[in-house]
Amino acid sequence: MMIIDSQIHIWRAQTASRPWIAGAQNRPPYSEEEALVLMDKSGVQGAILVPPSFEGHRNDYALEAAKNHPQRFAVMGRFEIQNQSLAGQLATWKSQPGMLGIRLTFHRDKDRPWLTDGSTDWFWPLAQEHQIPLMVHAPERLPEMAAIAKRYPKLKIIIDHMGFARSTMDEHAQEGAKRMIALADLDNVFVKISALPCYSSEAYPYRNLHQPVKTVIDAFGADRSFWGTDITRMPKTSSYQEAVSMMTQELHFLSPKDLESVMGRGLADCLGWKLSA
């Protein structure tokens, strides 16, 4: 079975020549080699690299890793969505080797308003025109993302982490799942079944999340539901292997065919990533 992780962050150390955004907490670097070790041990063939927000809008390290390992990594890059002067970059965005699309976040006080204040209205039609898939983390703005998806029905929008946030942990997870499935009727909306251990205070296999996951996959279908870890955000008590085996061994409601879709085939098809099995 082809297994693809839909979200891994990698980054280099902060230096004077590679500064992080103001106020970002310093942390040890996380390299492509570290990610590959975990992937190899857990039978994960490929991963989508998402440059972390604290490095600003630079995609160079992720693209370098994809160049070094084109059958292991591809990139959903960061883009300065409020800077309309960069609009010309979208026409050639996917011509960058390894670049499959754009990842956007709207979960902080500064960026939540961008979905409704008109400052990003220029972006969505161009992303649709140039067939650029989007991964979007906007847990408190799912209705706004639904409105954009309806307005641009050929624009592929992949919602991160089942639309979950801290407010949808544990006993609130099923409520979060119901909030997510309100978008399931939109054929151009997809969902990442990712970062699951972040939303449970239970130990592996996180049984309190099994029904919410089933609710989301039943609504979207296995072909539109994409497994992932966001490994660098997962609790230290959770392992990468457990993130894989929760899906492959514990979710008995998934048929073998559906499991293949959720674990990688669906994501590869959605993003047009040509991976050899």
C-alpha atoms as a PDB file:
ATOM      1  CA  MET A   1       0.000   0.000   0.000  1.00  0.00           C
ATOM      2  CA  MET A   2       1.303   3.444  -0.918  1.00  0.00           C
ATOM      3  CA  ILE A   3       1.375   5.608   2.216  1.00  0.00           C
ATOM      4  CA  ILE A   4       1.786   9.389   1.910  1.00  0.00           C
ATOM      5  CA  ASP A   5       1.894  11.761   4.863  1.00  0.00           C
ATOM      6  CA  SER A   6      -0.114  14.853   3.949  1.00  0.00           C
ATOM      7  CA  GLN A   7       1.836  17.222   6.245  1.00  0.00           C
ATOM      8  CA  ILE A   8       5.371  17.358   7.586  1.00  0.00           C
ATOM      9  CA  HIS A   9       7.231  20.555   8.508  1.00  0.00           C
ATOM     10  CA  ILE A  10      11.003  20.723   8.073  1.00  0.00           C
ATOM     11  CA  TRP A  11      13.190  23.729   8.834  1.00  0.00           C
ATOM     12  CA  ARG A  12      16.738  24.860   9.308  1.00  0.00           C
ATOM     13  CA  ALA A  13      18.235  26.603  12.330  1.00  0.00           C
ATOM     14  CA  GLN A  14      17.577  30.294  12.776  1.00  0.00           C
ATOM     15  CA  THR A  15      20.604  32.357  11.788  1.00  0.00           C
ATOM     16  CA  ALA A  16      21.368  35.983  10.973  1.00  0.00           C
ATOM     17  CA  SER A  17      21.138  35.136   7.274  1.00  0.00           C
ATOM     18  CA  ARG A  18      18.014  33.016   7.816  1.00  0.00           C
ATOM     19  CA  PRO A  19      15.926  34.948  10.354  1.00  0.00           C
ATOM     20  CA  TRP A  20      12.540  33.812  11.575  1.00  0.00           C
ATOM     21  CA  ILE A  21       9.548  36.097  11.908  1.00  0.00           C
ATOM     22  CA  ALA A  22       9.470  38.470  14.855  1.00  0.00           C
ATOM     23  CA  GLY A  23       8.406  36.780  18.074  1.00  0.00           C
ATOM     24  CA  ALA A  24       8.861  33.223  16.825  1.00  0.00           C
ATOM     25  CA  GLN A  25       9.997  30.807  19.519  1.00  0.00           C
ATOM     26  CA  ASN A  26      13.429  29.375  18.788  1.00  0.00           C
ATOM     27  CA  ARG A  27      13.506  25.601  18.401  1.00  0.00           C
ATOM     28  CA  PRO A  28      15.941  22.960  17.152  1.00  0.00           C
ATOM     29  CA  PRO A  29      15.942  22.395  13.392  1.00  0.00           C
ATOM     30  CA  TYR A  30      14.044  19.437  11.958  1.00  0.00           C
ATOM     31  CA  SER A  31      15.673  18.046   8.843  1.00  0.00           C
ATOM     32  CA  GLU A  32      14.636  16.065   5.798  1.00  0.00           C
ATOM     33  CA  GLU A  33      16.943  13.281   6.994  1.00  0.00           C
ATOM     34  CA  GLU A  34      15.114  13.044  10.338  1.00  0.00           C
ATOM     35  CA  ALA A  35      11.794  12.838   8.526  1.00  0.00           C
ATOM     36  CA  LEU A  36      13.074  10.120   6.186  1.00  0.00           C
ATOM     37  CA  VAL A  37      14.265   7.982   9.101  1.00  0.00           C
ATOM     38  CA  LEU A  38      10.793   8.010  10.656  1.00  0.00           C
ATOM     39  CA  MET A  39       9.104   7.429   7.318  1.00  0.00           C
ATOM     40  CA  ASP A  40      11.347   4.461   6.489  1.00  0.00           C
ATOM     41  CA  LYS A  41      10.767   2.837   9.878  1.00  0.00           C
ATOM     42  CA  SER A  42       6.997   3.201   9.508  1.00  0.00           C
ATOM     43  CA  GLY A  43       6.566   2.207   5.863  1.00  0.00           C
ATOM     44  CA  VAL A  44       5.685   5.703   4.660  1.00  0.00           C
ATOM     45  CA  GLN A  45       6.703   6.220   1.063  1.00  0.00           C
ATOM     46  CA  GLY A  46       6.139   9.925   0.545  1.00  0.00           C
ATOM     47  CA  ALA A  47       5.294  13.136   2.365  1.00  0.00           C
ATOM     48  CA  ILE A  48       4.037  16.601   1.571  1.00  0.00           C
ATOM     49  CA  LEU A  49       6.404  19.189   2.999  1.00  0.00           C
ATOM     50  CA  VAL A  50       4.761  22.318   4.369  1.00  0.00           C
ATOM     51  CA  PRO A  51       7.249  25.088   5.254  1.00  0.00           C
ATOM     52  CA  PRO A  52       6.585  26.308   8.807  1.00  0.00           C
ATOM     53  CA  SER A  53       5.071  29.721   9.397  1.00  0.00           C
ATOM     54  CA  PHE A  54       7.894  30.889  11.663  1.00  0.00           C
ATOM     55  CA  GLU A  55      10.249  30.970   8.656  1.00  0.00           C
ATOM     56  CA  GLY A  56       8.007  33.475   6.950  1.00  0.00           C
ATOM     57  CA  HIS A  57       7.175  32.813   3.305  1.00  0.00           C
ATOM     58  CA  ARG A  58      10.329  30.996   2.266  1.00  0.00           C
ATOM     59  CA  ASN A  59      10.056  27.630   0.562  1.00  0.00           C
ATOM     60  CA  ASP A  60      13.687  27.047  -0.335  1.00  0.00           C
ATOM     61  CA  TYR A  61      14.534  24.247   2.112  1.00  0.00           C
ATOM     62  CA  ALA A  62      11.403  22.238   1.327  1.00  0.00           C
ATOM     63  CA  LEU A  63      12.042  22.587  -2.408  1.00  0.00           C
ATOM     64  CA  GLU A  64      15.659  21.532  -1.887  1.00  0.00           C
ATOM     65  CA  ALA A  65      14.509  18.403  -0.053  1.00  0.00           C
ATOM     66  CA  ALA A  66      12.045  17.612  -2.845  1.00  0.00           C
ATOM     67  CA  LYS A  67      14.834  18.032  -5.388  1.00  0.00           C
ATOM     68  CA  ASN A  68      17.083  15.696  -3.386  1.00  0.00           C
ATOM     69  CA  HIS A  69      14.318  13.090  -2.942  1.00  0.00           C
ATOM     70  CA  PRO A  70      11.714  13.561  -5.696  1.00  0.00           C
ATOM     71  CA  GLN A  71      10.102  10.181  -5.017  1.00  0.00           C
ATOM     72  CA  ARG A  72       9.785  10.925  -1.304  1.00  0.00           C
ATOM     73  CA  PHE A  73       8.884  14.602  -0.968  1.00  0.00           C
ATOM     74  CA  ALA A  74       6.735  17.212  -2.677  1.00  0.00           C
ATOM     75  CA  VAL A  75       5.834  20.710  -1.469  1.00  0.00           C
ATOM     76  CA  MET A  76       2.755  22.778  -0.732  1.00  0.00           C
ATOM     77  CA  GLY A  77       4.496  26.118  -0.453  1.00  0.00           C
ATOM     78  CA  ARG A  78       3.782  29.264   1.469  1.00  0.00           C
ATOM     79  CA  PHE A  79       2.587  32.331  -0.433  1.00  0.00           C
ATOM     80  CA  GLU A  80       2.148  35.922   0.683  1.00  0.00           C
ATOM     81  CA  ILE A  81      -1.549  36.056  -0.056  1.00  0.00           C
ATOM     82  CA  GLN A  82      -1.980  39.689   0.989  1.00  0.00           C
ATOM     83  CA  ASN A  83       0.646  40.922  -1.459  1.00  0.00           C
ATOM     84  CA  GLN A  84      -1.189  41.352  -4.748  1.00  0.00           C
ATOM     85  CA  SER A  85       2.027  42.518  -6.404  1.00  0.00           C
ATOM     86  CA  LEU A  86       3.066  38.840  -6.365  1.00  0.00           C
ATOM     87  CA  ALA A  87       0.112  37.781  -8.500  1.00  0.00           C
ATOM     88  CA  GLY A  88       2.374  37.160 -11.486  1.00  0.00           C
ATOM     89  CA  GLN A  89       4.092  34.337  -9.618  1.00  0.00           C
ATOM     90  CA  LEU A  90       0.957  32.191  -9.700  1.00  0.00           C
ATOM     91  CA  ALA A  91       1.163  31.537 -13.446  1.00  0.00           C
ATOM     92  CA  THR A  92       4.455  29.677 -12.975  1.00  0.00           C
ATOM     93  CA  TRP A  93       4.001  28.497  -9.388  1.00  0.00           C
ATOM     94  CA  LYS A  94       3.788  24.785 -10.230  1.00  0.00           C
ATOM     95  CA  SER A  95       6.714  24.987 -12.640  1.00  0.00           C
ATOM     96  CA  GLN A  96       9.021  24.996  -9.619  1.00  0.00           C
ATOM     97  CA  PRO A  97      10.343  21.405  -9.369  1.00  0.00           C
ATOM     98  CA  GLY A  98       8.563  19.630  -6.541  1.00  0.00           C
ATOM     99  CA  MET A  99       5.914  22.327  -5.997  1.00  0.00           C
ATOM    100  CA  LEU A 100       2.340  21.010  -6.097  1.00  0.00           C
ATOM    101  CA  GLY A 101       0.339  23.880  -4.617  1.00  0.00           C
ATOM    102  CA  ILE A 102      -0.012  26.444  -1.818  1.00  0.00           C
ATOM    103  CA  ARG A 103      -0.681  26.137   1.899  1.00  0.00           C
ATOM    104  CA  LEU A 104      -2.530  28.987   3.649  1.00  0.00           C
ATOM    105  CA  THR A 105      -3.369  29.626   7.309  1.00  0.00           C
ATOM    106  CA  PHE A 106      -6.171  31.712   8.787  1.00  0.00           C
ATOM    107  CA  HIS A 107      -6.129  30.772  12.479  1.00  0.00           C
ATOM    108  CA  ARG A 108      -4.443  33.754  14.124  1.00  0.00           C
ATOM    109  CA  ASP A 109      -5.839  37.140  15.069  1.00  0.00           C
ATOM    110  CA  LYS A 110      -3.910  38.862  12.290  1.00  0.00           C
ATOM    111  CA  ASP A 111      -4.979  36.533   9.466  1.00  0.00           C
ATOM    112  CA  ARG A 112      -8.524  35.414  10.314  1.00  0.00           C
ATOM    113  CA  PRO A 113      -9.996  38.695   8.964  1.00  0.00           C
ATOM    114  CA  TRP A 114      -8.308  38.251   5.582  1.00  0.00           C
ATOM    115  CA  LEU A 115     -11.091  35.913   4.450  1.00  0.00           C
ATOM    116  CA  THR A 116     -13.759  38.578   4.856  1.00  0.00           C
ATOM    117  CA  ASP A 117     -12.089  41.994   4.654  1.00  0.00           C
ATOM    118  CA  GLY A 118     -11.591  41.876   0.876  1.00  0.00           C
ATOM    119  CA  SER A 119      -7.784  41.838   1.043  1.00  0.00           C
ATOM    120  CA  THR A 120      -7.474  38.347  -0.474  1.00  0.00           C
ATOM    121  CA  ASP A 121     -10.344  38.451  -2.962  1.00  0.00           C
ATOM    122  CA  TRP A 122      -7.889  38.816  -5.858  1.00  0.00           C
ATOM    123  CA  PHE A 123      -6.180  35.511  -5.040  1.00  0.00           C
ATOM    124  CA  TRP A 124      -8.921  32.879  -5.341  1.00  0.00           C
ATOM    125  CA  PRO A 125      -9.857  33.359  -9.028  1.00  0.00           C
ATOM    126  CA  LEU A 126      -6.180  33.305 -10.016  1.00  0.00           C
ATOM    127  CA  ALA A 127      -5.532  30.139  -8.019  1.00  0.00           C
ATOM    128  CA  GLN A 128      -8.482  28.549  -9.821  1.00  0.00           C
ATOM    129  CA  GLU A 129      -7.322  29.832 -13.217  1.00  0.00           C
ATOM    130  CA  HIS A 130      -3.836  28.377 -12.746  1.00  0.00           C
ATOM    131  CA  GLN A 131      -5.156  25.144 -11.217  1.00  0.00           C
ATOM    132  CA  ILE A 132      -3.235  25.521  -7.970  1.00  0.00           C
ATOM    133  CA  PRO A 133      -4.516  23.198  -5.201  1.00  0.00           C
ATOM    134  CA  LEU A 134      -4.695  24.754  -1.753  1.00  0.00           C
ATOM    135  CA  MET A 135      -4.227  23.354   1.723  1.00  0.00           C
ATOM    136  CA  VAL A 136      -5.943  25.617   4.235  1.00  0.00           C
ATOM    137  CA  HIS A 137      -5.884  25.738   8.031  1.00  0.00           C
ATOM    138  CA  ALA A 138      -8.863  27.861   9.068  1.00  0.00           C
ATOM    139  CA  PRO A 139     -10.633  25.988  11.891  1.00  0.00           C
ATOM    140  CA  GLU A 140     -12.802  28.929  12.942  1.00  0.00           C
ATOM    141  CA  ARG A 141     -13.540  29.989   9.371  1.00  0.00           C
ATOM    142  CA  LEU A 142     -14.998  26.885   7.739  1.00  0.00           C
ATOM    143  CA  PRO A 143     -18.180  28.687   6.569  1.00  0.00           C
ATOM    144  CA  GLU A 144     -16.010  31.315   4.872  1.00  0.00           C
ATOM    145  CA  MET A 145     -14.002  28.571   3.139  1.00  0.00           C
ATOM    146  CA  ALA A 146     -17.265  26.957   2.023  1.00  0.00           C
ATOM    147  CA  ALA A 147     -18.346  30.250   0.462  1.00  0.00           C
ATOM    148  CA  ILE A 148     -15.051  30.496  -1.452  1.00  0.00           C
ATOM    149  CA  ALA A 149     -15.374  26.890  -2.619  1.00  0.00           C
ATOM    150  CA  LYS A 150     -18.864  27.599  -3.938  1.00  0.00           C
ATOM    151  CA  ARG A 151     -17.696  30.738  -5.714  1.00  0.00           C
ATOM    152  CA  TYR A 152     -14.776  28.913  -7.379  1.00  0.00           C
ATOM    153  CA  PRO A 153     -15.982  25.342  -7.993  1.00  0.00           C
ATOM    154  CA  LYS A 154     -12.866  24.290  -9.920  1.00  0.00           C
ATOM    155  CA  LEU A 155     -10.510  25.378  -7.129  1.00  0.00           C
ATOM    156  CA  LYS A 156      -9.317  22.408  -5.056  1.00  0.00           C
ATOM    157  CA  ILE A 157      -9.378  23.250  -1.342  1.00  0.00           C
ATOM    158  CA  ILE A 158      -8.000  20.774   1.184  1.00  0.00           C
ATOM    159  CA  ILE A 159      -8.986  21.562   4.778  1.00  0.00           C
ATOM    160  CA  ASP A 160      -6.264  20.781   7.320  1.00  0.00           C
ATOM    161  CA  HIS A 161      -6.709  18.613  10.417  1.00  0.00           C
ATOM    162  CA  MET A 162     -10.435  17.933   9.861  1.00  0.00           C
ATOM    163  CA  GLY A 163     -11.015  21.615  10.628  1.00  0.00           C
ATOM    164  CA  PHE A 164     -10.136  20.919  14.272  1.00  0.00           C
ATOM    165  CA  ALA A 165      -8.720  23.330  16.851  1.00  0.00           C
ATOM    166  CA  ARG A 166      -8.121  23.212  20.594  1.00  0.00           C
ATOM    167  CA  SER A 167     -11.843  23.803  21.122  1.00  0.00           C
ATOM    168  CA  THR A 168     -12.676  20.509  19.397  1.00  0.00           C
ATOM    169  CA  MET A 169     -10.550  18.184  21.536  1.00  0.00           C
ATOM    170  CA  ASP A 170     -11.754  15.069  23.326  1.00  0.00           C
ATOM    171  CA  GLU A 171     -15.482  15.210  24.094  1.00  0.00           C
ATOM    172  CA  HIS A 172     -15.889  18.085  21.623  1.00  0.00           C
ATOM    173  CA  ALA A 173     -14.340  16.166  18.718  1.00  0.00           C
ATOM    174  CA  GLN A 174     -17.638  14.867  17.384  1.00  0.00           C
ATOM    175  CA  GLU A 175     -18.978  18.407  17.368  1.00  0.00           C
ATOM    176  CA  GLY A 176     -15.913  19.397  15.357  1.00  0.00           C
ATOM    177  CA  ALA A 177     -16.541  16.556  12.910  1.00  0.00           C
ATOM    178  CA  LYS A 178     -20.125  17.708  12.359  1.00  0.00           C
ATOM    179  CA  ARG A 179     -18.841  21.223  11.693  1.00  0.00           C
ATOM    180  CA  MET A 180     -16.463  19.806   9.082  1.00  0.00           C
ATOM    181  CA  ILE A 181     -19.008  17.691   7.229  1.00  0.00           C
ATOM    182  CA  ALA A 182     -21.082  20.765   6.461  1.00  0.00           C
ATOM    183  CA  LEU A 183     -18.608  21.191   3.564  1.00  0.00           C
ATOM    184  CA  ALA A 184     -18.816  17.599   2.315  1.00  0.00           C
ATOM    185  CA  ASP A 185     -21.357  18.335  -0.445  1.00  0.00           C
ATOM    186  CA  LEU A 186     -18.831  20.621  -2.155  1.00  0.00           C
ATOM    187  CA  ASP A 187     -16.996  18.375  -4.618  1.00  0.00           C
ATOM    188  CA  ASN A 188     -13.941  20.640  -4.714  1.00  0.00           C
ATOM    189  CA  VAL A 189     -13.392  20.461  -0.945  1.00  0.00           C
ATOM    190  CA  PHE A 190     -11.174  17.733   0.517  1.00  0.00           C
ATOM    191  CA  VAL A 191     -10.113  17.019   4.099  1.00  0.00           C
ATOM    192  CA  LYS A 192      -6.888  16.044   5.831  1.00  0.00           C
ATOM    193  CA  ILE A 193      -7.282  13.397   8.529  1.00  0.00           C
ATOM    194  CA  SER A 194      -4.157  14.770  10.144  1.00  0.00           C
ATOM    195  CA  ALA A 195      -2.555  15.683  13.483  1.00  0.00           C
ATOM    196  CA  LEU A 196      -5.054  13.436  15.274  1.00  0.00           C
ATOM    197  CA  PRO A 197      -3.081  12.880  18.521  1.00  0.00           C
ATOM    198  CA  CYS A 198      -3.079  16.656  19.010  1.00  0.00           C
ATOM    199  CA  TYR A 199      -6.829  16.536  19.604  1.00  0.00           C
ATOM    200  CA  SER A 200      -7.028  13.734  22.168  1.00  0.00           C
ATOM    201  CA  SER A 201      -5.790  13.588  25.748  1.00  0.00           C
ATOM    202  CA  GLU A 202      -6.204   9.807  25.709  1.00  0.00           C
ATOM    203  CA  ALA A 203      -3.396   7.349  25.037  1.00  0.00           C
ATOM    204  CA  TYR A 204      -2.949   5.441  21.794  1.00  0.00           C
ATOM    205  CA  PRO A 205      -5.079   4.380  19.908  1.00  0.00           C
ATOM    206  CA  TYR A 206      -7.063   7.563  20.743  1.00  0.00           C
ATOM    207  CA  ARG A 207     -10.410   5.788  20.765  1.00  0.00           C
ATOM    208  CA  ASN A 208     -12.340   8.970  21.481  1.00  0.00           C
ATOM    209  CA  LEU A 209     -11.408  10.160  17.980  1.00  0.00           C
ATOM    210  CA  HIS A 210     -12.486   7.039  16.086  1.00  0.00           C
ATOM    211  CA  GLN A 211     -16.135   8.043  15.699  1.00  0.00           C
ATOM    212  CA  PRO A 212     -15.334  11.638  14.655  1.00  0.00           C
ATOM    213  CA  VAL A 213     -12.897  10.288  12.047  1.00  0.00           C
ATOM    214  CA  LYS A 214     -15.564   7.886  10.783  1.00  0.00           C
ATOM    215  CA  THR A 215     -18.094  10.719  10.598  1.00  0.00           C
ATOM    216  CA  VAL A 216     -15.757  12.803   8.431  1.00  0.00           C
ATOM    217  CA  ILE A 217     -14.629   9.977   6.130  1.00  0.00           C
ATOM    218  CA  ASP A 218     -18.194   8.716   5.680  1.00  0.00           C
ATOM    219  CA  ALA A 219     -19.274  12.205   4.616  1.00  0.00           C
ATOM    220  CA  PHE A 220     -16.386  13.059   2.293  1.00  0.00           C
ATOM    221  CA  GLY A 221     -15.598   9.563   1.068  1.00  0.00           C
ATOM    222  CA  ALA A 222     -12.229   7.864   1.254  1.00  0.00           C
ATOM    223  CA  ASP A 223     -11.033   9.412  -2.038  1.00  0.00           C
ATOM    224  CA  ARG A 224     -11.375  12.919  -0.576  1.00  0.00           C
ATOM    225  CA  SER A 225      -9.914  12.154   2.878  1.00  0.00           C
ATOM    226  CA  PHE A 226      -6.131  12.280   3.317  1.00  0.00           C
ATOM    227  CA  TRP A 227      -4.142  10.900   6.261  1.00  0.00           C
ATOM    228  CA  GLY A 228      -1.261  12.893   7.730  1.00  0.00           C
ATOM    229  CA  THR A 229       0.699  13.440  10.925  1.00  0.00           C
ATOM    230  CA  ASP A 230       2.060  16.982  11.326  1.00  0.00           C
ATOM    231  CA  ILE A 231       4.691  15.049  13.274  1.00  0.00           C
ATOM    232  CA  THR A 232       6.536  18.019  14.775  1.00  0.00           C
ATOM    233  CA  ARG A 233       3.331  19.197  16.483  1.00  0.00           C
ATOM    234  CA  MET A 234       2.308  15.816  17.875  1.00  0.00           C
ATOM    235  CA  PRO A 235       2.556  15.190  21.643  1.00  0.00           C
ATOM    236  CA  LYS A 236       5.876  13.708  22.733  1.00  0.00           C
ATOM    237  CA  THR A 237       3.964  10.673  24.016  1.00  0.00           C
ATOM    238  CA  SER A 238       2.862   9.857  20.452  1.00  0.00           C
ATOM    239  CA  SER A 239       5.085   8.081  17.956  1.00  0.00           C
ATOM    240  CA  TYR A 240       5.130   8.287  14.187  1.00  0.00           C
ATOM    241  CA  GLN A 241       4.500   4.541  13.945  1.00  0.00           C
ATOM    242  CA  GLU A 242       1.413   4.915  16.119  1.00  0.00           C
ATOM    243  CA  ALA A 243       0.098   7.663  13.850  1.00  0.00           C
ATOM    244  CA  VAL A 244       0.316   5.156  10.992  1.00  0.00           C
ATOM    245  CA  SER A 245      -1.009   2.122  12.845  1.00  0.00           C
ATOM    246  CA  MET A 246      -3.985   3.996  14.285  1.00  0.00           C
ATOM    247  CA  MET A 247      -5.276   4.202  10.740  1.00  0.00           C
ATOM    248  CA  THR A 248      -4.033   0.895   9.343  1.00  0.00           C
ATOM    249  CA  GLN A 249      -4.805  -1.331  12.349  1.00  0.00           C
ATOM    250  CA  GLU A 250      -7.375   0.354  14.596  1.00  0.00           C
ATOM    251  CA  LEU A 251     -10.020   1.882  12.294  1.00  0.00           C
ATOM    252  CA  HIS A 252     -11.847  -1.301  11.397  1.00  0.00           C
ATOM    253  CA  PHE A 253     -14.615   0.528   9.563  1.00  0.00           C
ATOM    254  CA  LEU A 254     -12.237   1.206   6.652  1.00  0.00           C
ATOM    255  CA  SER A 255     -12.278  -1.392   3.895  1.00  0.00           C
ATOM    256  CA  PRO A 256      -8.915  -2.315   2.317  1.00  0.00           C
ATOM    257  CA  LYS A 257      -9.799  -0.225  -0.740  1.00  0.00           C
ATOM    258  CA  ASP A 258     -10.833   2.764   1.367  1.00  0.00           C
ATOM    259  CA  LEU A 259      -7.694   2.460   3.471  1.00  0.00           C
ATOM    260  CA  GLU A 260      -5.525   2.655   0.349  1.00  0.00           C
ATOM    261  CA  SER A 261      -7.308   5.851  -0.670  1.00  0.00           C
ATOM    262  CA  VAL A 262      -7.050   7.511   2.742  1.00  0.00           C
ATOM    263  CA  MET A 263      -3.422   6.539   3.291  1.00  0.00           C
ATOM    264  CA  GLY A 264      -2.090   7.950   0.055  1.00  0.00           C
ATOM    265  CA  ARG A 265      -3.731   7.169  -3.261  1.00  0.00           C
ATOM    266  CA  GLY A 266      -6.427   9.831  -2.900  1.00  0.00           C
ATOM    267  CA  LEU A 267      -3.930  12.569  -2.046  1.00  0.00           C
ATOM    268  CA  ALA A 268      -1.615  11.652  -4.924  1.00  0.00           C
ATOM    269  CA  ASP A 269      -4.552  11.765  -7.332  1.00  0.00           C
ATOM    270  CA  CYS A 270      -5.828  15.091  -5.965  1.00  0.00           C
ATOM    271  CA  LEU A 271      -2.451  16.812  -6.216  1.00  0.00           C
ATOM    272  CA  GLY A 272      -1.326  15.097  -9.404  1.00  0.00           C
ATOM    273  CA  TRP A 273       1.785  13.690  -7.711  1.00  0.00           C
ATOM    274  CA  LYS A 274       3.136  10.897  -9.895  1.00  0.00           C
ATOM    275  CA  LEU A 275       4.672   8.470  -7.410  1.00  0.00           C
ATOM    276  CA  SER A 276       5.812   4.973  -8.293  1.00  0.00           C
ATOM    277  CA  ALA A 277       4.153   2.356  -6.079  1.00  0.00           C
END
